[in-house]
C-alpha cells in the first residue's frame, strides 16, 4: 500500500506529494514526467543496469522507461515527488545528464541532519502506524526543503512551467508545433527549454503523459475496450498504443494490468495530476 501526503501551501509550487511505501519484493516506478527523491531504509537493486542502491538519498531523473527496484528484505521507501519544473535542491545536477538515471545525492547534501532524522524514524517504526511514520517523515522533509529553497534563492522557471503545463492540460495529446505556436517559439528553442529544465524533449514528455492518460482511463473503466481508451487518449489505433506502450513498459497494455508492475495507487497519482489535485494552492 502507498500512503500519500500533500505538501504545505508554501511547498505546493515545487512538490506534488510525499509518499511512503513498504516494499517486500519489488517496486515499479512508471514514467510520469516528475523527479523523485527516494530515501530507502534497505538496499534496493535495479537489475536493468545492475545498480544497487544502498540506504541513502537518491534522485531519480526523468525516465522514459519503467524502473523496477528489487528489495533484498522488507523495508520502507519515503519519496519526495518534485514537479517537472522543480529540480530545486540540486542545481549541480544537469537534468539531461541524470535522465534515466538514479544518482546518490547524499554526498552533495550540506548536512546529513535531515536524512539521519528520517533514518531514525524508520528505526522507530514498531511504535508508529504507517500514517504516523509518513507524517513524521514529511515534517522533517518540509524543514529541509524550505531551508534549501531559501538558501538557493530558487525561482521557478515560469516559461518552462507554462510549456509543461500546456502539455499536461492536453493529456499529452498535442503537437510540438501547437506548443511552439502557443508560446511563439521555434522548435529548437522549445527543445532547449525542455532539456535544460527537465532533461526530456517535448515529444518525450508528451508521449509519457499520453500513455499516463491511457492508464488513467483504463483504470477508471476496466470494461472499456482497449481500442476505445487508446483513441480517447490520442493514439491513432490500438497498434499505435501497443507500440508505444511496449517501448516504455516492455509489456503489452493488457498484460500490464495483470502484472506485478501494476499498482492501483500509482495510477491514482496519475489521475490526481491530470485532475489538478497537485496544483499550487494559497496559504
Foldseek 3Di string as FASTA:
>chain_A
DKDWDFADLVCLAWFLIKIKDKDAFKAKDAQQLWKKWKAWLAWKAFPVVGDIDGGAIKIQAGEQAMTMITGPGITMIMITITHNQHPDQCPVDFNQVRYRHIGGCRVVDPDCVLSVQLNVLRVVVVVDDPVRNRVSNSVSVVVVVVVSCVVVVDDGPVVVVVLLVVLLLLLLQDDLVVSCVVVVHDQVVQQVSNCRRRSDGSNSNSLSSLLLQLVLVCLVPVVDDSQVSNVVSNAPGQVRVQVSCCVHHVDGPVVCCVDPNDDPVVSVSSVCSSVCVSHRDDD
